[in-house]
Amino acid sequence: MINLFIPLCGAALFYSGVIIVEAFAPSAGRLRRILAMAAFAPVMAAGLDVIENALHVTML
């Protein structure tokens, strides 16, 4: 049941990453790009978790 909330958790972590990008890298540059890519990691992880859950359902 808890796995159903993983995409919501990924979205929350993404938006907290966006806040961190705005706080620590207000101007364009390399640091801002690195932090933006790091902020996108939870969204990718949540997407992969959804795929994993779908594969588990198909194996039942």
C-alpha atoms as a PDB file:
ATOM      1  CA  MET A   1       0.000   0.000   0.000  1.00  0.00           C
ATOM      2  CA  ILE A   2       2.833   2.404   0.799  1.00  0.00           C
ATOM      3  CA  ASN A   3       4.231   2.005  -2.730  1.00  0.00           C
ATOM      4  CA  LEU A   4       1.221   3.856  -4.106  1.00  0.00           C
ATOM      5  CA  PHE A   5       2.485   7.072  -2.512  1.00  0.00           C
ATOM      6  CA  ILE A   6       6.006   6.923  -3.953  1.00  0.00           C
ATOM      7  CA  PRO A   7       5.134   9.190  -6.951  1.00  0.00           C
ATOM      8  CA  LEU A   8       3.727  11.792  -4.562  1.00  0.00           C
ATOM      9  CA  CYS A   9       6.883  11.596  -2.463  1.00  0.00           C
ATOM     10  CA  GLY A  10       8.990  11.984  -5.625  1.00  0.00           C
ATOM     11  CA  ALA A  11       7.018  15.073  -6.613  1.00  0.00           C
ATOM     12  CA  ALA A  12       7.458  16.575  -3.152  1.00  0.00           C
ATOM     13  CA  LEU A  13      11.207  15.956  -3.249  1.00  0.00           C
ATOM     14  CA  PHE A  14      11.369  17.478  -6.739  1.00  0.00           C
ATOM     15  CA  TYR A  15       9.697  20.687  -5.600  1.00  0.00           C
ATOM     16  CA  SER A  16      11.951  20.916  -2.555  1.00  0.00           C
ATOM     17  CA  GLY A  17      14.870  20.549  -4.976  1.00  0.00           C
ATOM     18  CA  VAL A  18      13.498  23.443  -7.032  1.00  0.00           C
ATOM     19  CA  ILE A  19      13.414  25.559  -3.865  1.00  0.00           C
ATOM     20  CA  ILE A  20      17.032  24.609  -3.141  1.00  0.00           C
ATOM     21  CA  VAL A  21      18.053  25.567  -6.687  1.00  0.00           C
ATOM     22  CA  GLU A  22      16.451  28.970  -6.290  1.00  0.00           C
ATOM     23  CA  ALA A  23      18.087  29.494  -2.888  1.00  0.00           C
ATOM     24  CA  PHE A  24      21.643  28.383  -3.652  1.00  0.00           C
ATOM     25  CA  ALA A  25      21.985  29.204  -7.359  1.00  0.00           C
ATOM     26  CA  PRO A  26      19.942  32.314  -8.170  1.00  0.00           C
ATOM     27  CA  SER A  27      21.849  33.080 -11.385  1.00  0.00           C
ATOM     28  CA  ALA A  28      22.367  30.900 -14.429  1.00  0.00           C
ATOM     29  CA  GLY A  29      25.473  28.793 -14.424  1.00  0.00           C
ATOM     30  CA  ARG A  30      26.970  25.369 -13.942  1.00  0.00           C
ATOM     31  CA  LEU A  31      25.863  25.015 -10.304  1.00  0.00           C
ATOM     32  CA  ARG A  32      22.263  25.779 -11.222  1.00  0.00           C
ATOM     33  CA  ARG A  33      22.290  23.115 -13.952  1.00  0.00           C
ATOM     34  CA  ILE A  34      23.809  20.515 -11.620  1.00  0.00           C
ATOM     35  CA  LEU A  35      21.284  21.232  -8.881  1.00  0.00           C
ATOM     36  CA  ALA A  36      18.410  21.167 -11.374  1.00  0.00           C
ATOM     37  CA  MET A  37      19.496  17.746 -12.625  1.00  0.00           C
ATOM     38  CA  ALA A  38      19.803  16.520  -9.021  1.00  0.00           C
ATOM     39  CA  ALA A  39      16.309  17.837  -8.278  1.00  0.00           C
ATOM     40  CA  PHE A  40      14.941  15.739 -11.152  1.00  0.00           C
ATOM     41  CA  ALA A  41      16.378  12.481  -9.727  1.00  0.00           C
ATOM     42  CA  PRO A  42      13.420  11.754  -7.375  1.00  0.00           C
ATOM     43  CA  VAL A  43      10.990  12.105 -10.278  1.00  0.00           C
ATOM     44  CA  MET A  44      12.971   9.562 -12.272  1.00  0.00           C
ATOM     45  CA  ALA A  45      13.103   7.216  -9.277  1.00  0.00           C
ATOM     46  CA  ALA A  46       9.342   7.504  -8.767  1.00  0.00           C
ATOM     47  CA  GLY A  47       8.764   6.723 -12.444  1.00  0.00           C
ATOM     48  CA  LEU A  48      10.978   3.662 -12.251  1.00  0.00           C
ATOM     49  CA  ASP A  49       9.112   2.551  -9.128  1.00  0.00           C
ATOM     50  CA  VAL A  50       5.808   2.777 -11.001  1.00  0.00           C
ATOM     51  CA  ILE A  51       7.276   0.614 -13.770  1.00  0.00           C
ATOM     52  CA  GLU A  52       8.538  -1.884 -11.189  1.00  0.00           C
ATOM     53  CA  ASN A  53       5.110  -2.063  -9.554  1.00  0.00           C
ATOM     54  CA  ALA A  54       3.478  -2.626 -12.934  1.00  0.00           C
ATOM     55  CA  LEU A  55       5.880  -5.473 -13.639  1.00  0.00           C
ATOM     56  CA  HIS A  56       5.076  -7.018 -10.259  1.00  0.00           C
ATOM     57  CA  VAL A  57       1.358  -6.870 -11.052  1.00  0.00           C
ATOM     58  CA  THR A  58       1.894  -8.584 -14.400  1.00  0.00           C
ATOM     59  CA  MET A  59       3.843 -11.370 -12.692  1.00  0.00           C
ATOM     60  CA  LEU A  60       0.944 -12.159 -10.327  1.00  0.00           C
END
